[in-house]
């Protein structure tokens, strides 16, 4: 889907094969001239693509600011439901994401059967800075996409451990399921040892079975680091210390980091509770 949109944009507006900064400067200058000449900033092209969608997809912050200041519709959706914020998150442009949010972009637009949330898009691209900003803005950690599941599913399936950590620390549900498929199943399939360890530390169920009645370890290669790791977790119970941390984090949910940081306890313990 993302590739299709990119191809359509580039076919409609041939890319300048030179320095990216120079291209953006030229685009910005042309945009200024067109706007001054009365061109509509909300004109639509293929699949309802607007200039703002294209600027966000390319991560052109100068152009995004120009368009927004000229009255571009900040949450205009494409035919398949993708908004400029989705495009900016996909491109990994933190500056564009911030500009859109400052102009009222919805962090949680209505999802359709053909689109994902901005947080899904950021996790898909491994853009952890964008993930962090969206979470701070109040984006739903459990936004559900019919094809991908939650943002945590997406981050795990695409091997983005940094995004996984951002989501879990913010209180994302570690055992959220899509057709019984958990984030840990995805981590096992992609053989990401650090990700597996992180998920289990946050309470992932190593015994969970998916729609094929398989546990996460059954998706690993026997003898691999991931298999060894999961086999160890299946065979050894968590320590009382770890169970206590999990109980506290579960009770506090999405408030955990804020509340724990205010506790009058040693910094070493706070660091442990906050991972």
Protein backbone atom coordinates (compact mmCIF):
# COMPACT_ATOMS: atom_id res chain seq x y z
CA UNK A 1 0.00 0.00 0.00
CA UNK A 2 2.73 2.48 0.97
CA UNK A 3 4.76 1.59 -2.12
CA UNK A 4 1.71 2.14 -4.33
CA UNK A 5 1.17 5.63 -2.92
CA UNK A 6 4.85 6.53 -3.34
CA UNK A 7 4.80 5.36 -6.98
CA UNK A 8 1.69 7.37 -7.75
CA UNK A 9 3.15 10.50 -6.18
CA UNK A 10 6.40 10.20 -8.10
CA UNK A 11 4.61 9.49 -11.38
CA UNK A 12 2.44 12.56 -10.91
CA UNK A 13 5.40 14.77 -9.94
CA UNK A 14 8.81 13.60 -11.28
CA UNK A 15 11.51 13.71 -8.63
CA UNK A 16 14.47 16.07 -8.99
CA UNK A 17 17.50 13.79 -8.93
CA UNK A 18 19.89 16.09 -7.15
CA UNK A 19 20.69 17.16 -3.63
CA UNK A 20 17.67 16.58 -1.38
CA UNK A 21 18.12 19.91 0.39
CA UNK A 22 18.36 21.73 -2.93
CA UNK A 23 15.24 19.94 -4.17
CA UNK A 24 13.27 20.97 -1.09
CA UNK A 25 14.43 24.58 -1.40
CA UNK A 26 13.35 24.70 -5.04
CA UNK A 27 10.02 23.06 -4.20
CA UNK A 28 9.49 25.57 -1.39
CA UNK A 29 10.23 28.49 -3.69
CA UNK A 30 7.90 27.21 -6.41
CA UNK A 31 5.24 26.60 -3.77
CA UNK A 32 5.49 30.20 -2.54
CA UNK A 33 5.08 31.50 -6.08
CA UNK A 34 2.08 29.30 -6.78
CA UNK A 35 0.34 30.22 -3.53
CA UNK A 36 0.91 33.92 -4.19
CA UNK A 37 -0.59 33.37 -7.64
CA UNK A 38 -3.75 32.01 -6.05
CA UNK A 39 -3.15 28.25 -6.42
CA UNK A 40 -5.26 26.12 -4.08
CA UNK A 41 -3.25 24.43 -1.33
CA UNK A 42 -5.97 21.78 -1.08
CA UNK A 43 -6.01 20.71 -4.72
CA UNK A 44 -6.30 16.93 -5.03
CA UNK A 45 -4.60 14.51 -7.42
CA UNK A 46 -4.40 10.72 -7.62
CA UNK A 47 -6.15 8.93 -4.72
CA UNK A 48 -7.06 12.34 -3.21
CA UNK A 49 -3.37 13.18 -2.66
CA UNK A 50 -2.92 16.83 -1.68
CA UNK A 51 0.28 18.90 -1.72
CA UNK A 52 0.43 18.46 2.07
CA UNK A 53 0.37 14.66 1.75
CA UNK A 54 3.19 14.78 -0.76
CA UNK A 55 5.30 17.18 1.31
CA UNK A 56 4.85 14.97 4.38
CA UNK A 57 5.64 11.82 2.44
CA UNK A 58 8.94 13.41 1.39
CA UNK A 59 9.63 14.84 4.86
CA UNK A 60 9.83 18.42 3.53
CA UNK A 61 9.26 20.45 6.69
CA UNK A 62 9.65 23.84 4.96
CA UNK A 63 6.93 23.01 2.48
CA UNK A 64 4.69 21.53 5.19
CA UNK A 65 4.93 24.76 7.19
CA UNK A 66 4.22 26.84 4.07
CA UNK A 67 1.14 24.79 3.20
CA UNK A 68 -0.23 24.75 6.74
CA UNK A 69 0.23 28.51 7.10
CA UNK A 70 -1.63 28.93 3.81
CA UNK A 71 -4.62 26.96 5.09
CA UNK A 72 -3.97 23.36 4.00
CA UNK A 73 -6.39 20.87 5.55
CA UNK A 74 -4.28 19.19 8.21
CA UNK A 75 -6.28 15.97 8.52
CA UNK A 76 -7.47 15.46 4.93
CA UNK A 77 -7.55 11.69 4.27
CA UNK A 78 -6.62 9.82 1.10
CA UNK A 79 -9.05 7.35 -0.46
CA UNK A 80 -7.62 4.57 1.70
CA UNK A 81 -7.77 6.77 4.82
CA UNK A 82 -4.15 7.87 5.23
CA UNK A 83 -3.71 11.41 6.60
CA UNK A 84 -0.72 13.78 6.25
CA UNK A 85 0.31 12.75 9.78
CA UNK A 86 0.41 9.11 8.67
CA UNK A 87 2.66 10.09 5.77
CA UNK A 88 5.00 12.12 8.00
CA UNK A 89 5.26 9.24 10.48
CA UNK A 90 5.98 6.82 7.66
CA UNK A 91 8.73 9.13 6.38
CA UNK A 92 10.14 9.48 9.90
CA UNK A 93 10.16 13.28 9.78
CA UNK A 94 9.91 14.39 13.40
CA UNK A 95 9.75 18.05 12.37
CA UNK A 96 6.82 17.42 10.03
CA UNK A 97 5.03 15.37 12.68
CA UNK A 98 5.45 18.18 15.23
CA UNK A 99 4.21 20.80 12.76
CA UNK A 100 1.10 18.79 11.97
CA UNK A 101 0.30 18.14 15.63
CA UNK A 102 0.81 21.84 16.41
CA UNK A 103 -1.76 22.64 13.72
CA UNK A 104 -4.35 20.27 15.16
CA UNK A 105 -3.69 17.00 13.35
CA UNK A 106 -5.48 14.05 14.97
CA UNK A 107 -3.08 11.55 16.51
CA UNK A 108 -5.87 8.96 16.32
CA UNK A 109 -7.83 9.43 13.08
CA UNK A 110 -10.68 7.03 12.36
CA UNK A 111 -9.27 3.74 11.04
CA UNK A 112 -10.67 1.99 8.00
CA UNK A 113 -10.08 -1.51 6.63
CA UNK A 114 -7.43 -0.02 4.34
CA UNK A 115 -5.38 2.17 6.62
CA UNK A 116 -3.40 2.21 9.85
CA UNK A 117 -2.93 4.87 12.53
CA UNK A 118 0.01 7.30 12.57
CA UNK A 119 1.49 5.26 15.43
CA UNK A 120 1.29 2.09 13.32
CA UNK A 121 3.07 3.92 10.49
CA UNK A 122 5.83 5.17 12.78
CA UNK A 123 6.36 1.66 14.18
CA UNK A 124 6.36 0.16 10.70
CA UNK A 125 9.24 2.42 9.69
CA UNK A 126 11.11 2.07 12.98
CA UNK A 127 10.85 5.80 13.66
CA UNK A 128 11.15 5.71 17.46
CA UNK A 129 11.37 9.50 17.84
CA UNK A 130 8.02 9.84 16.11
CA UNK A 131 6.65 7.02 18.26
CA UNK A 132 7.76 8.86 21.40
CA UNK A 133 6.19 12.14 20.26
CA UNK A 134 2.89 10.50 19.33
CA UNK A 135 2.72 8.74 22.69
CA UNK A 136 3.38 12.05 24.49
CA UNK A 137 0.54 13.57 22.47
CA UNK A 138 -1.83 10.86 23.66
CA UNK A 139 -1.94 8.51 20.69
CA UNK A 140 -3.75 5.26 21.45
CA UNK A 141 -1.33 2.47 22.28
CA UNK A 142 -3.96 -0.12 21.45
CA UNK A 143 -5.23 1.26 18.13
CA UNK A 144 -6.20 -1.87 16.23
CA UNK A 145 -5.53 -2.47 12.55
CA UNK A 146 -7.32 -5.39 10.88
CA UNK A 147 -4.20 -6.53 9.06
CA UNK A 148 -1.45 -5.74 11.55
CA UNK A 149 -3.01 -5.70 15.01
CA UNK A 150 -1.69 -3.13 17.50
CA UNK A 151 1.34 -0.83 17.05
CA UNK A 152 3.29 -3.28 19.24
CA UNK A 153 2.53 -6.11 16.81
CA UNK A 154 3.79 -3.92 13.97
CA UNK A 155 7.01 -2.94 15.76
CA UNK A 156 7.77 -6.58 16.57
CA UNK A 157 6.97 -7.87 13.09
CA UNK A 158 9.26 -5.25 11.56
CA UNK A 159 12.17 -5.88 13.97
CA UNK A 160 12.16 -2.42 15.55
CA UNK A 161 13.25 -3.03 19.14
CA UNK A 162 13.58 0.69 19.98
CA UNK A 163 9.91 1.21 19.09
CA UNK A 164 8.96 -1.86 21.12
CA UNK A 165 10.68 -0.37 24.18
CA UNK A 166 8.95 2.98 23.72
CA UNK A 167 5.54 1.32 23.52
CA UNK A 168 6.06 -1.01 26.46
CA UNK A 169 7.45 1.69 28.70
CA UNK A 170 4.39 3.78 27.91
CA UNK A 171 2.10 0.96 29.00
CA UNK A 172 1.21 -0.91 25.80
CA UNK A 173 -0.40 -4.29 26.45
CA UNK A 174 2.37 -6.83 25.97
CA UNK A 175 -0.02 -9.76 25.44
CA UNK A 176 -2.40 -8.04 23.03
CA UNK A 177 -3.59 -10.59 20.49
CA UNK A 178 -4.52 -10.57 16.83
CA UNK A 179 -6.12 -13.92 15.96
CA UNK A 180 -4.33 -15.21 19.10
CA UNK A 181 -1.03 -14.01 17.60
CA UNK A 182 0.92 -12.07 20.24
CA UNK A 183 3.84 -9.63 19.84
CA UNK A 184 6.09 -12.35 21.26
CA UNK A 185 5.11 -14.67 18.40
CA UNK A 186 6.30 -11.98 15.97
CA UNK A 187 9.55 -11.48 17.86
CA UNK A 188 10.17 -15.24 17.80
CA UNK A 189 9.46 -15.44 14.07
CA UNK A 190 11.94 -12.65 13.34
CA UNK A 191 14.56 -14.20 15.67
CA UNK A 192 15.08 -10.97 17.63
CA UNK A 193 16.69 -12.05 20.92
CA UNK A 194 16.82 -8.61 22.53
CA UNK A 195 13.20 -8.04 21.60
CA UNK A 196 12.19 -11.42 23.04
CA UNK A 197 13.98 -10.60 26.29
CA UNK A 198 12.35 -7.16 26.47
CA UNK A 199 8.85 -8.54 25.90
CA UNK A 200 9.28 -11.24 28.54
CA UNK A 201 10.64 -8.67 31.00
CA UNK A 202 7.41 -6.75 30.49
CA UNK A 203 5.32 -9.85 31.15
CA UNK A 204 4.89 -11.52 27.74
CA UNK A 205 3.35 -14.98 28.06
CA UNK A 206 5.88 -17.50 26.71
CA UNK A 207 3.21 -20.21 26.74
CA UNK A 208 0.67 -18.28 24.62
CA UNK A 209 -0.64 -20.24 21.63
CA UNK A 210 -1.64 -18.65 18.35
CA UNK A 211 -4.32 -19.69 15.87
CA UNK A 212 -2.10 -22.59 14.82
CA UNK A 213 -1.80 -23.72 18.45
CA UNK A 214 1.91 -22.87 18.46
CA UNK A 215 3.94 -21.30 21.25
CA UNK A 216 6.48 -18.56 20.37
CA UNK A 217 9.44 -20.97 20.80
CA UNK A 218 7.98 -23.20 18.07
CA UNK A 219 8.67 -20.44 15.53
CA UNK A 220 12.38 -20.32 16.28
CA UNK A 221 15.20 -22.40 14.80
CA UNK A 222 16.27 -25.13 17.25
CA UNK A 223 19.57 -24.23 18.87
CA UNK A 224 19.37 -20.56 17.85
CA UNK A 225 19.81 -17.79 20.45
CA UNK A 226 16.09 -17.03 20.28
CA UNK A 227 15.17 -20.66 20.86
CA UNK A 228 17.62 -20.95 23.75
CA UNK A 229 16.24 -17.78 25.30
CA UNK A 230 12.60 -18.83 25.08
CA UNK A 231 13.37 -22.37 26.26
CA UNK A 232 15.06 -20.89 29.32
CA UNK A 233 12.06 -18.69 30.10
CA UNK A 234 9.70 -21.64 29.72
CA UNK A 235 11.77 -23.73 32.11
CA UNK A 236 12.56 -21.14 34.78
CA UNK A 237 10.02 -19.12 36.77
CA UNK A 238 10.48 -15.38 37.12
CA UNK A 239 12.15 -14.09 40.27
CA UNK A 240 10.02 -12.56 43.01
CA UNK A 241 11.76 -9.25 42.26
CA UNK A 242 10.67 -9.35 38.62
CA UNK A 243 7.14 -10.45 39.52
CA UNK A 244 6.86 -7.52 41.93
CA UNK A 245 7.95 -5.09 39.22
CA UNK A 246 5.43 -6.54 36.79
CA UNK A 247 2.63 -6.35 39.34
CA UNK A 248 3.36 -2.68 40.01
CA UNK A 249 3.65 -1.79 36.32
CA UNK A 250 0.43 -3.64 35.52
CA UNK A 251 -1.44 -1.88 38.30
CA UNK A 252 -0.23 1.57 37.21
CA UNK A 253 -0.68 0.93 33.49
CA UNK A 254 0.01 3.95 31.28
CA UNK A 255 0.64 6.11 34.38
CA UNK A 256 3.60 3.98 35.48
CA UNK A 257 6.52 6.18 34.42
CA UNK A 258 4.97 9.37 35.78
CA UNK A 259 3.92 7.85 39.11
CA UNK A 260 7.11 5.85 39.73
CA UNK A 261 9.24 8.92 39.10
CA UNK A 262 7.45 10.71 41.93
CA UNK A 263 7.96 8.00 44.53
CA UNK A 264 10.17 8.80 47.51
CA UNK A 265 12.41 5.77 47.05
CA UNK A 266 16.08 5.26 46.07
CA UNK A 267 16.97 6.18 42.49
CA UNK A 268 18.34 2.68 41.89
CA UNK A 269 14.91 1.19 42.56
CA UNK A 270 13.21 3.82 40.40
CA UNK A 271 15.55 2.95 37.51
CA UNK A 272 14.72 -0.73 37.96
CA UNK A 273 10.97 -0.12 37.98
CA UNK A 274 11.19 2.13 34.91
CA UNK A 275 13.38 -0.35 32.98
